[in-house]
Amino acid sequence: MPKTTADLHDYLDVLGIKVQTVTHPPLFTVADSQNLRGEIAGGHTKNLFLKDKKDNFFLVTVEEDAVVDLKTIHTLIGAASKVSFGKPEKLMEYLGLIPGAVSAFGAINDTHHQVSIILDEALMRHEIINAHPLTNEATTSIHRDDLLKFLEATGHEARIVSVSTAETAPA
């Protein structure tokens, strides 16, 4: 059974990691998040659950407005081939998450280390990172160093890789 938000917060407490969580109605898209979140400081995330042809799975976490080239990202993240989106069943099996609630906090459920965690270098420039705490009905703010500490405690060595470009408004 996947961990709950309460389980996640208990785990973070055990690790001595302080976070701030704001609850809100369910959010399913970046646009929903931008419209509802108000003034939550820091970098806000977008997450891509990807797989290659050899069934290697990757969670790529970038800034919400980042552009990721899915045709070439495999060369940056160490995939064995071009990637596609992982199926919701594998997302639940490995990270205990449903689409719309995906975040690096899902690593707490990946006890067999089936998913490689990739954090975009541009996102990691933010001191505070905001992500769903295993549900899309809340946003949790965590210090970037504490996010790395959390991932390490779950047995995941997150790789920080430049995988995106910032989205620019059309002229």
C-alpha atoms as a PDB file:
ATOM      1  CA  MET A   1       0.000   0.000   0.000  1.00  0.00           C
ATOM      2  CA  PRO A   2       1.458   3.402  -0.961  1.00  0.00           C
ATOM      3  CA  LYS A   3       2.442   5.858   1.736  1.00  0.00           C
ATOM      4  CA  THR A   4       0.073   8.697   2.585  1.00  0.00           C
ATOM      5  CA  THR A   5       0.810  12.391   2.917  1.00  0.00           C
ATOM      6  CA  ALA A   6       0.832  11.891   6.699  1.00  0.00           C
ATOM      7  CA  ASP A   7       3.391   9.072   6.304  1.00  0.00           C
ATOM      8  CA  LEU A   8       5.538  11.370   4.157  1.00  0.00           C
ATOM      9  CA  HIS A   9       5.413  14.163   6.736  1.00  0.00           C
ATOM     10  CA  ASP A  10       6.274  11.704   9.526  1.00  0.00           C
ATOM     11  CA  TYR A  11       9.265  10.470   7.489  1.00  0.00           C
ATOM     12  CA  LEU A  12      10.435  14.030   6.852  1.00  0.00           C
ATOM     13  CA  ASP A  13      10.134  14.742  10.600  1.00  0.00           C
ATOM     14  CA  VAL A  14      12.283  11.699  11.401  1.00  0.00           C
ATOM     15  CA  LEU A  15      14.891  13.033   8.983  1.00  0.00           C
ATOM     16  CA  GLY A  16      14.764  16.447  10.680  1.00  0.00           C
ATOM     17  CA  ILE A  17      13.457  18.089   7.508  1.00  0.00           C
ATOM     18  CA  LYS A  18      11.135  21.042   7.978  1.00  0.00           C
ATOM     19  CA  VAL A  19       8.552  21.664   5.277  1.00  0.00           C
ATOM     20  CA  GLN A  20       5.509  23.852   4.840  1.00  0.00           C
ATOM     21  CA  THR A  21       2.378  22.397   3.257  1.00  0.00           C
ATOM     22  CA  VAL A  22      -0.631  24.257   1.894  1.00  0.00           C
ATOM     23  CA  THR A  23      -3.829  22.323   1.137  1.00  0.00           C
ATOM     24  CA  HIS A  24      -6.053  23.231  -1.807  1.00  0.00           C
ATOM     25  CA  PRO A  25      -8.606  21.704  -4.172  1.00  0.00           C
ATOM     26  CA  PRO A  26      -7.196  18.990  -6.476  1.00  0.00           C
ATOM     27  CA  LEU A  27      -4.868  20.283  -9.189  1.00  0.00           C
ATOM     28  CA  PHE A  28      -4.259  18.311 -12.352  1.00  0.00           C
ATOM     29  CA  THR A  29      -2.239  20.646 -14.576  1.00  0.00           C
ATOM     30  CA  VAL A  30       0.431  23.303 -14.287  1.00  0.00           C
ATOM     31  CA  ALA A  31      -2.199  25.852 -15.355  1.00  0.00           C
ATOM     32  CA  ASP A  32      -4.457  24.763 -12.467  1.00  0.00           C
ATOM     33  CA  SER A  33      -1.528  25.185 -10.092  1.00  0.00           C
ATOM     34  CA  GLN A  34      -0.625  28.617 -11.389  1.00  0.00           C
ATOM     35  CA  ASN A  35      -4.210  29.835 -11.063  1.00  0.00           C
ATOM     36  CA  LEU A  36      -4.751  28.584  -7.521  1.00  0.00           C
ATOM     37  CA  ARG A  37      -1.517  28.592  -5.618  1.00  0.00           C
ATOM     38  CA  GLY A  38      -1.393  32.240  -4.609  1.00  0.00           C
ATOM     39  CA  GLU A  39       1.915  33.426  -3.285  1.00  0.00           C
ATOM     40  CA  ILE A  40       3.904  30.279  -2.568  1.00  0.00           C
ATOM     41  CA  ALA A  41       7.536  31.291  -3.004  1.00  0.00           C
ATOM     42  CA  GLY A  42      10.132  29.160  -4.750  1.00  0.00           C
ATOM     43  CA  GLY A  43      10.373  26.950  -7.795  1.00  0.00           C
ATOM     44  CA  HIS A  44       7.228  25.064  -8.762  1.00  0.00           C
ATOM     45  CA  THR A  45       7.600  21.684 -10.383  1.00  0.00           C
ATOM     46  CA  LYS A  46       6.415  19.791 -13.419  1.00  0.00           C
ATOM     47  CA  ASN A  47       7.135  16.054 -13.447  1.00  0.00           C
ATOM     48  CA  LEU A  48       7.588  13.621 -16.307  1.00  0.00           C
ATOM     49  CA  PHE A  49       7.354   9.881 -15.633  1.00  0.00           C
ATOM     50  CA  LEU A  50       9.251   8.332 -18.533  1.00  0.00           C
ATOM     51  CA  LYS A  51      10.414   4.909 -19.692  1.00  0.00           C
ATOM     52  CA  ASP A  52      12.774   3.638 -22.332  1.00  0.00           C
ATOM     53  CA  LYS A  53      12.448   0.525 -24.508  1.00  0.00           C
ATOM     54  CA  LYS A  54      14.315  -1.591 -21.942  1.00  0.00           C
ATOM     55  CA  ASP A  55      11.738  -0.681 -19.270  1.00  0.00           C
ATOM     56  CA  ASN A  56      14.068   1.636 -17.381  1.00  0.00           C
ATOM     57  CA  PHE A  57      11.945   4.259 -15.641  1.00  0.00           C
ATOM     58  CA  PHE A  58      12.804   7.892 -14.949  1.00  0.00           C
ATOM     59  CA  LEU A  59      11.144  10.661 -12.993  1.00  0.00           C
ATOM     60  CA  VAL A  60      12.274  13.973 -14.459  1.00  0.00           C
ATOM     61  CA  THR A  61      11.431  17.001 -12.329  1.00  0.00           C
ATOM     62  CA  VAL A  62      11.705  20.441 -13.925  1.00  0.00           C
ATOM     63  CA  GLU A  63      10.348  23.944 -13.337  1.00  0.00           C
ATOM     64  CA  GLU A  64       6.683  24.308 -14.207  1.00  0.00           C
ATOM     65  CA  ASP A  65       7.378  26.530 -17.233  1.00  0.00           C
ATOM     66  CA  ALA A  66      10.349  24.565 -18.544  1.00  0.00           C
ATOM     67  CA  VAL A  67      10.385  23.115 -22.035  1.00  0.00           C
ATOM     68  CA  VAL A  68      11.720  19.576 -22.372  1.00  0.00           C
ATOM     69  CA  ASP A  69      12.587  18.026 -25.731  1.00  0.00           C
ATOM     70  CA  LEU A  70      11.240  14.489 -25.413  1.00  0.00           C
ATOM     71  CA  LYS A  71      12.943  13.493 -28.664  1.00  0.00           C
ATOM     72  CA  THR A  72      16.432  14.087 -27.240  1.00  0.00           C
ATOM     73  CA  ILE A  73      16.098  13.869 -23.459  1.00  0.00           C
ATOM     74  CA  HIS A  74      17.167  10.215 -23.522  1.00  0.00           C
ATOM     75  CA  THR A  75      20.711  11.329 -24.370  1.00  0.00           C
ATOM     76  CA  LEU A  76      20.807  13.490 -21.238  1.00  0.00           C
ATOM     77  CA  ILE A  77      19.292  11.122 -18.668  1.00  0.00           C
ATOM     78  CA  GLY A  78      21.085   7.912 -19.594  1.00  0.00           C
ATOM     79  CA  ALA A  79      18.133   6.099 -21.138  1.00  0.00           C
ATOM     80  CA  ALA A  80      18.828   3.100 -23.364  1.00  0.00           C
ATOM     81  CA  SER A  81      16.623   4.500 -26.132  1.00  0.00           C
ATOM     82  CA  LYS A  82      14.185   7.278 -26.855  1.00  0.00           C
ATOM     83  CA  VAL A  83      11.638   7.617 -24.081  1.00  0.00           C
ATOM     84  CA  SER A  84       7.877   7.642 -23.825  1.00  0.00           C
ATOM     85  CA  PHE A  85       5.547   8.355 -20.949  1.00  0.00           C
ATOM     86  CA  GLY A  86       5.242   5.567 -18.417  1.00  0.00           C
ATOM     87  CA  LYS A  87       1.818   4.027 -17.948  1.00  0.00           C
ATOM     88  CA  PRO A  88      -0.307   5.043 -14.941  1.00  0.00           C
ATOM     89  CA  GLU A  89      -0.176   1.442 -13.668  1.00  0.00           C
ATOM     90  CA  LYS A  90       3.640   1.592 -13.410  1.00  0.00           C
ATOM     91  CA  LEU A  91       3.449   5.058 -11.859  1.00  0.00           C
ATOM     92  CA  MET A  92       1.253   3.594  -9.115  1.00  0.00           C
ATOM     93  CA  GLU A  93       3.307   0.395  -8.800  1.00  0.00           C
ATOM     94  CA  TYR A  94       6.680   2.128  -8.479  1.00  0.00           C
ATOM     95  CA  LEU A  95       5.936   5.560  -6.991  1.00  0.00           C
ATOM     96  CA  GLY A  96       2.500   5.036  -5.436  1.00  0.00           C
ATOM     97  CA  LEU A  97       1.161   8.022  -7.372  1.00  0.00           C
ATOM     98  CA  ILE A  98      -1.674   8.837  -9.724  1.00  0.00           C
ATOM     99  CA  PRO A  99      -1.353  11.163 -12.713  1.00  0.00           C
ATOM    100  CA  GLY A 100      -1.704  14.741 -11.505  1.00  0.00           C
ATOM    101  CA  ALA A 101      -0.017  14.008  -8.171  1.00  0.00           C
ATOM    102  CA  VAL A 102       3.433  13.126  -9.495  1.00  0.00           C
ATOM    103  CA  SER A 103       6.461  14.482  -7.642  1.00  0.00           C
ATOM    104  CA  ALA A 104       9.866  13.450  -6.369  1.00  0.00           C
ATOM    105  CA  PHE A 105       8.221  12.709  -3.017  1.00  0.00           C
ATOM    106  CA  GLY A 106       6.995   9.494  -4.666  1.00  0.00           C
ATOM    107  CA  ALA A 107      10.508   8.124  -4.107  1.00  0.00           C
ATOM    108  CA  ILE A 108       9.331   7.183  -0.609  1.00  0.00           C
ATOM    109  CA  ASN A 109       7.252   4.422  -2.252  1.00  0.00           C
ATOM    110  CA  ASP A 110      10.000   3.193  -4.615  1.00  0.00           C
ATOM    111  CA  THR A 111      11.556   0.811  -2.111  1.00  0.00           C
ATOM    112  CA  HIS A 112      13.033  -1.399  -4.877  1.00  0.00           C
ATOM    113  CA  HIS A 113      14.628   1.599  -6.631  1.00  0.00           C
ATOM    114  CA  GLN A 114      12.947   1.013  -9.976  1.00  0.00           C
ATOM    115  CA  VAL A 115      12.933   4.711 -10.914  1.00  0.00           C
ATOM    116  CA  SER A 116      15.900   6.989 -11.587  1.00  0.00           C
ATOM    117  CA  ILE A 117      15.307  10.493 -10.255  1.00  0.00           C
ATOM    118  CA  ILE A 118      16.472  13.364 -12.459  1.00  0.00           C
ATOM    119  CA  LEU A 119      16.271  16.935 -11.159  1.00  0.00           C
ATOM    120  CA  ASP A 120      16.686  19.737 -13.672  1.00  0.00           C
ATOM    121  CA  GLU A 121      19.634  22.002 -12.957  1.00  0.00           C
ATOM    122  CA  ALA A 122      17.520  25.140 -13.527  1.00  0.00           C
ATOM    123  CA  LEU A 123      14.996  24.002 -10.906  1.00  0.00           C
ATOM    124  CA  MET A 124      17.762  23.374  -8.396  1.00  0.00           C
ATOM    125  CA  ARG A 125      18.796  27.041  -8.572  1.00  0.00           C
ATOM    126  CA  HIS A 126      15.769  27.767  -6.387  1.00  0.00           C
ATOM    127  CA  GLU A 127      16.383  27.620  -2.660  1.00  0.00           C
ATOM    128  CA  ILE A 128      12.806  26.418  -2.082  1.00  0.00           C
ATOM    129  CA  ILE A 129      11.130  23.802  -4.268  1.00  0.00           C
ATOM    130  CA  ASN A 130       7.388  23.169  -4.274  1.00  0.00           C
ATOM    131  CA  ALA A 131       5.866  19.781  -5.066  1.00  0.00           C
ATOM    132  CA  HIS A 132       2.788  17.674  -4.422  1.00  0.00           C
ATOM    133  CA  PRO A 133       3.169  15.609  -1.224  1.00  0.00           C
ATOM    134  CA  LEU A 134       1.793  12.347  -2.756  1.00  0.00           C
ATOM    135  CA  THR A 135      -1.544  14.060  -3.460  1.00  0.00           C
ATOM    136  CA  ASN A 136      -2.621  16.812  -5.816  1.00  0.00           C
ATOM    137  CA  GLU A 137      -4.655  18.368  -2.995  1.00  0.00           C
ATOM    138  CA  ALA A 138      -1.629  20.040  -1.387  1.00  0.00           C
ATOM    139  CA  THR A 139       1.684  21.704  -2.176  1.00  0.00           C
ATOM    140  CA  THR A 140       4.728  21.173   0.018  1.00  0.00           C
ATOM    141  CA  SER A 141       7.647  23.614   0.106  1.00  0.00           C
ATOM    142  CA  ILE A 142      11.041  22.064   0.850  1.00  0.00           C
ATOM    143  CA  HIS A 143      14.584  23.448   0.807  1.00  0.00           C
ATOM    144  CA  ARG A 144      16.517  22.081  -2.194  1.00  0.00           C
ATOM    145  CA  ASP A 145      19.213  20.563   0.064  1.00  0.00           C
ATOM    146  CA  ASP A 146      16.527  18.861   2.127  1.00  0.00           C
ATOM    147  CA  LEU A 147      14.950  17.448  -1.034  1.00  0.00           C
ATOM    148  CA  LEU A 148      18.307  15.870  -1.866  1.00  0.00           C
ATOM    149  CA  LYS A 149      18.614  14.609   1.726  1.00  0.00           C
ATOM    150  CA  PHE A 150      15.122  13.070   1.483  1.00  0.00           C
ATOM    151  CA  LEU A 151      15.900  11.371  -1.830  1.00  0.00           C
ATOM    152  CA  GLU A 152      19.179  10.005  -0.488  1.00  0.00           C
ATOM    153  CA  ALA A 153      17.378   8.652   2.596  1.00  0.00           C
ATOM    154  CA  THR A 154      15.003   6.754   0.288  1.00  0.00           C
ATOM    155  CA  GLY A 155      17.993   5.181  -1.449  1.00  0.00           C
ATOM    156  CA  HIS A 156      17.795   7.363  -4.563  1.00  0.00           C
ATOM    157  CA  GLU A 157      20.837   9.208  -5.788  1.00  0.00           C
ATOM    158  CA  ALA A 158      19.158  12.044  -7.638  1.00  0.00           C
ATOM    159  CA  ARG A 159      21.056  13.267 -10.650  1.00  0.00           C
ATOM    160  CA  ILE A 160      21.042  16.990 -11.346  1.00  0.00           C
ATOM    161  CA  VAL A 161      21.099  17.420 -15.116  1.00  0.00           C
ATOM    162  CA  SER A 162      20.326  20.337 -17.407  1.00  0.00           C
ATOM    163  CA  VAL A 163      17.361  18.878 -19.304  1.00  0.00           C
ATOM    164  CA  SER A 164      15.190  21.900 -20.029  1.00  0.00           C
ATOM    165  CA  THR A 165      14.944  25.352 -21.425  1.00  0.00           C
ATOM    166  CA  ALA A 166      12.768  28.090 -19.982  1.00  0.00           C
ATOM    167  CA  GLU A 167       9.561  28.684 -21.865  1.00  0.00           C
ATOM    168  CA  THR A 168       9.524  32.044 -23.542  1.00  0.00           C
ATOM    169  CA  ALA A 169       6.438  34.061 -24.379  1.00  0.00           C
ATOM    170  CA  PRO A 170       5.794  34.516 -28.091  1.00  0.00           C
ATOM    171  CA  ALA A 171       6.792  37.898 -29.503  1.00  0.00           C
END
